[in-house]
Amino acid sequence: MRTLDETDSEILRLLTEDARRPYREIADAVGLSSPSVSDRVSRLGELGVIRRFTLDLDRSKLRGGTPVLVELSVRPDSVEAVRETLTHTDGVEHVFTAADPRVFFQSRLPDANVRAFLSDTFDGDGLDTITDYEVVVLTDADWTPQVGGTDLAITCAECGNEVGEEGETLRVDGDLYYLCCPSCLEQFEARYEQFSADA
């Protein structure tokens, strides 16, 4: 599977509406058998298109914290580290990075105290990576991921280029790797064998 066909897109759309939707119901909607839908969902998982099935909470039914959208201006060499920290911080729901050195995140904070949150999250020198920030208090937020108009964008495990139709796959220790060409496959296998021998 190197591209998403209309059936894959429809399966993804149905799952984004309700991740617990039975495969039988999806199969009826897309004209496939339940095992065929299961196979496609498994392949989409192996490709990393589907990372996990999660819970969509209605935050309006939960008490506590002020919903905020925070824009951080950061040093250019620190964008990835800031994004990674926020992604793994409790209470942060969404993290976005811009083409320029800015990171945005949505969260619920006690008393909307962003300064205290940033100090606790980026202790020590980490706080020095943030040069400025702006806060918007939110009244509501909807998250509606869409799959329309998209296609697969798989990157090569060896060189980082996009994997096209001529790409290669390699399963190692249960993990599936995608490589853009036979040369990258060869280099990846050699590197893996070297790491295994050194371990």
Protein backbone atom coordinates (compact mmCIF):
# COMPACT_ATOMS: atom_id res chain seq x y z
CA MET A 1 0.00 0.00 0.00
CA ARG A 2 1.77 3.15 -1.21
CA THR A 3 -1.31 5.35 -1.71
CA LEU A 4 -4.65 5.81 -0.03
CA ASP A 5 -7.56 4.77 -2.22
CA GLU A 6 -11.15 5.99 -1.77
CA THR A 7 -11.97 2.98 0.42
CA ASP A 8 -9.04 3.69 2.78
CA SER A 9 -10.10 7.33 3.04
CA GLU A 10 -13.68 6.34 3.82
CA ILE A 11 -12.53 3.85 6.47
CA LEU A 12 -10.41 6.59 8.07
CA ARG A 13 -13.32 9.04 7.94
CA LEU A 14 -15.65 6.54 9.62
CA LEU A 15 -13.06 5.78 12.30
CA THR A 16 -12.45 9.48 13.01
CA GLU A 17 -16.20 9.86 13.60
CA ASP A 18 -16.24 6.88 15.98
CA ALA A 19 -13.10 4.84 16.67
CA ARG A 20 -15.22 2.12 18.30
CA ARG A 21 -17.37 1.62 15.21
CA PRO A 22 -17.61 -2.14 14.53
CA TYR A 23 -15.74 -3.41 11.47
CA ARG A 24 -19.01 -5.03 10.33
CA GLU A 25 -20.64 -1.57 10.15
CA ILE A 26 -17.63 -0.11 8.31
CA ALA A 27 -17.64 -3.09 5.93
CA ASP A 28 -21.30 -2.45 5.06
CA ALA A 29 -20.55 1.24 4.40
CA VAL A 30 -17.55 0.62 2.11
CA GLY A 31 -18.69 -2.59 0.38
CA LEU A 32 -16.05 -4.94 1.82
CA SER A 33 -16.08 -7.88 4.20
CA SER A 34 -15.25 -7.35 7.88
CA PRO A 35 -11.91 -9.25 7.54
CA SER A 36 -10.96 -7.01 4.59
CA VAL A 37 -11.66 -3.91 6.67
CA SER A 38 -9.63 -5.39 9.52
CA ASP A 39 -6.71 -6.02 7.13
CA ARG A 40 -6.84 -2.46 5.83
CA VAL A 41 -6.95 -0.99 9.34
CA SER A 42 -3.98 -3.19 10.32
CA ARG A 43 -2.00 -1.99 7.26
CA LEU A 44 -2.86 1.64 8.05
CA GLY A 45 -1.56 0.98 11.56
CA GLU A 46 1.69 -0.53 10.24
CA LEU A 47 2.12 2.51 8.01
CA GLY A 48 1.72 4.77 11.02
CA VAL A 49 -1.36 6.49 9.59
CA ILE A 50 -3.38 5.13 12.52
CA ARG A 51 -1.26 5.46 15.64
CA ARG A 52 -3.83 4.57 18.28
CA PHE A 53 -7.52 4.63 19.04
CA THR A 54 -8.25 7.24 21.67
CA LEU A 55 -11.03 8.80 23.67
CA ASP A 56 -12.64 12.09 22.61
CA LEU A 57 -13.59 13.90 25.81
CA ASP A 58 -16.21 16.63 26.00
CA ARG A 59 -14.26 19.04 28.21
CA SER A 60 -17.35 21.16 28.79
CA LYS A 61 -18.62 18.34 31.02
CA LEU A 62 -15.47 18.38 33.16
CA ARG A 63 -14.55 21.00 35.74
CA GLY A 64 -11.17 22.54 36.43
CA GLY A 65 -8.63 24.71 34.73
CA THR A 66 -8.97 27.46 32.17
CA PRO A 67 -8.74 26.46 28.49
CA VAL A 68 -5.94 28.40 26.82
CA LEU A 69 -4.11 28.54 23.52
CA VAL A 70 -0.49 29.55 24.05
CA GLU A 71 1.91 30.77 21.38
CA LEU A 72 5.59 30.37 22.29
CA SER A 73 8.38 32.13 20.43
CA VAL A 74 11.45 29.94 20.87
CA ARG A 75 15.07 29.85 19.78
CA PRO A 76 15.29 28.18 16.34
CA ASP A 77 17.53 25.37 17.62
CA SER A 78 15.06 24.54 20.39
CA VAL A 79 11.78 24.08 18.50
CA GLU A 80 11.94 20.27 18.50
CA ALA A 81 12.94 20.03 22.18
CA VAL A 82 10.10 22.38 23.22
CA ARG A 83 7.60 20.47 21.09
CA GLU A 84 8.74 17.15 22.52
CA THR A 85 8.51 18.39 26.11
CA LEU A 86 5.01 19.77 25.62
CA THR A 87 3.83 16.61 23.85
CA HIS A 88 4.67 14.61 26.97
CA THR A 89 3.36 17.12 29.51
CA ASP A 90 0.20 16.23 31.40
CA GLY A 91 -2.71 18.50 30.53
CA VAL A 92 -1.42 19.59 27.12
CA GLU A 93 -3.93 18.46 24.52
CA HIS A 94 -2.54 19.67 21.20
CA VAL A 95 0.88 20.89 20.10
CA PHE A 96 1.64 22.61 16.78
CA THR A 97 4.89 23.92 15.33
CA ALA A 98 5.11 26.69 12.75
CA ALA A 99 7.60 27.13 9.92
CA ASP A 100 9.18 29.95 11.88
CA PRO A 101 10.44 29.25 15.43
CA ARG A 102 7.05 29.20 17.14
CA VAL A 103 5.24 26.45 19.01
CA PHE A 104 1.53 26.56 19.87
CA PHE A 105 -0.21 24.42 22.45
CA GLN A 106 -3.70 24.02 23.84
CA SER A 107 -4.17 23.16 27.47
CA ARG A 108 -6.27 23.65 30.60
CA LEU A 109 -4.31 25.50 33.24
CA PRO A 110 -5.19 26.30 36.86
CA ASP A 111 -6.12 30.00 36.96
CA ALA A 112 -4.64 30.37 33.43
CA ASN A 113 -1.25 30.85 35.07
CA VAL A 114 0.92 30.28 32.02
CA ARG A 115 4.08 31.70 33.60
CA ALA A 116 3.93 29.15 36.45
CA PHE A 117 3.14 26.35 33.99
CA LEU A 118 6.12 27.24 31.79
CA SER A 119 8.44 27.50 34.82
CA ASP A 120 7.34 24.06 36.06
CA THR A 121 7.50 22.46 32.61
CA PHE A 122 10.79 23.97 31.41
CA ASP A 123 12.83 24.00 34.59
CA GLY A 124 16.41 25.25 34.58
CA ASP A 125 17.93 26.20 31.23
CA GLY A 126 14.89 24.93 29.33
CA LEU A 127 12.99 28.11 30.11
CA ASP A 128 15.72 30.14 28.40
CA THR A 129 14.73 28.60 25.06
CA ILE A 130 11.42 30.52 25.18
CA THR A 131 11.91 34.13 24.11
CA ASP A 132 8.27 35.30 24.36
CA TYR A 133 4.73 33.98 24.71
CA GLU A 134 1.15 35.06 24.15
CA VAL A 135 -1.97 33.56 25.72
CA VAL A 136 -5.52 33.41 24.41
CA VAL A 137 -8.26 32.23 26.78
CA LEU A 138 -10.59 29.91 24.87
CA THR A 139 -14.34 29.67 25.29
CA ASP A 140 -14.64 26.45 23.30
CA ALA A 141 -12.56 24.10 21.16
CA ASP A 142 -13.48 21.47 18.59
CA TRP A 143 -11.04 18.94 17.18
CA THR A 144 -12.26 17.40 13.93
CA PRO A 145 -9.47 15.66 12.02
CA GLN A 146 -10.22 15.22 8.32
CA VAL A 147 -8.68 12.91 5.73
CA GLY A 148 -10.08 14.43 2.54
CA GLY A 149 -7.56 15.50 -0.08
CA THR A 150 -4.67 13.63 1.52
CA ASP A 151 -2.37 10.81 0.48
CA LEU A 152 0.34 8.77 2.15
CA ALA A 153 3.61 10.50 2.99
CA ILE A 154 5.86 7.69 4.19
CA THR A 155 9.49 8.58 4.81
CA CYS A 156 12.45 6.31 4.22
CA ALA A 157 13.89 4.82 7.43
CA GLU A 158 17.40 5.24 6.02
CA CYS A 159 17.58 8.62 4.24
CA GLY A 160 14.34 10.40 5.14
CA ASN A 161 13.17 10.84 1.54
CA GLU A 162 9.57 10.09 0.63
CA VAL A 163 8.85 6.45 -0.22
CA GLY A 164 7.12 6.10 -3.60
CA GLU A 165 5.71 3.23 -5.62
CA GLU A 166 9.18 1.71 -6.13
CA GLY A 167 9.82 1.66 -2.39
CA GLU A 168 10.88 -1.35 -0.37
CA THR A 169 9.66 -2.78 2.95
CA LEU A 170 11.63 -4.69 5.53
CA ARG A 171 10.35 -6.41 8.66
CA VAL A 172 12.92 -6.64 11.46
CA ASP A 173 12.11 -8.05 14.89
CA GLY A 174 8.40 -7.52 14.29
CA ASP A 175 8.75 -3.88 13.18
CA LEU A 176 8.03 -2.83 9.60
CA TYR A 177 10.40 -0.34 7.94
CA TYR A 178 9.85 1.52 4.67
CA LEU A 179 12.78 2.37 2.42
CA CYS A 180 12.74 4.45 -0.75
CA CYS A 181 15.05 2.31 -2.92
CA PRO A 182 17.13 -0.90 -3.01
CA SER A 183 20.26 1.08 -2.08
CA CYS A 184 18.68 2.38 1.14
CA LEU A 185 17.39 -1.11 1.91
CA GLU A 186 20.91 -2.48 1.55
CA GLN A 187 22.42 0.28 3.74
CA PHE A 188 19.69 -0.13 6.39
CA GLU A 189 20.18 -3.91 6.57
CA ALA A 190 23.97 -3.49 6.81
CA ARG A 191 23.64 -0.88 9.55
CA TYR A 192 21.16 -3.06 11.46
CA GLU A 193 23.42 -6.11 11.20
CA GLN A 194 26.36 -4.00 12.46
CA PHE A 195 24.37 -2.71 15.44
CA SER A 196 23.23 -6.26 16.23
CA ALA A 197 26.79 -7.56 16.06
CA ASP A 198 28.04 -4.76 18.34
CA ALA A 199 25.25 -5.29 20.89
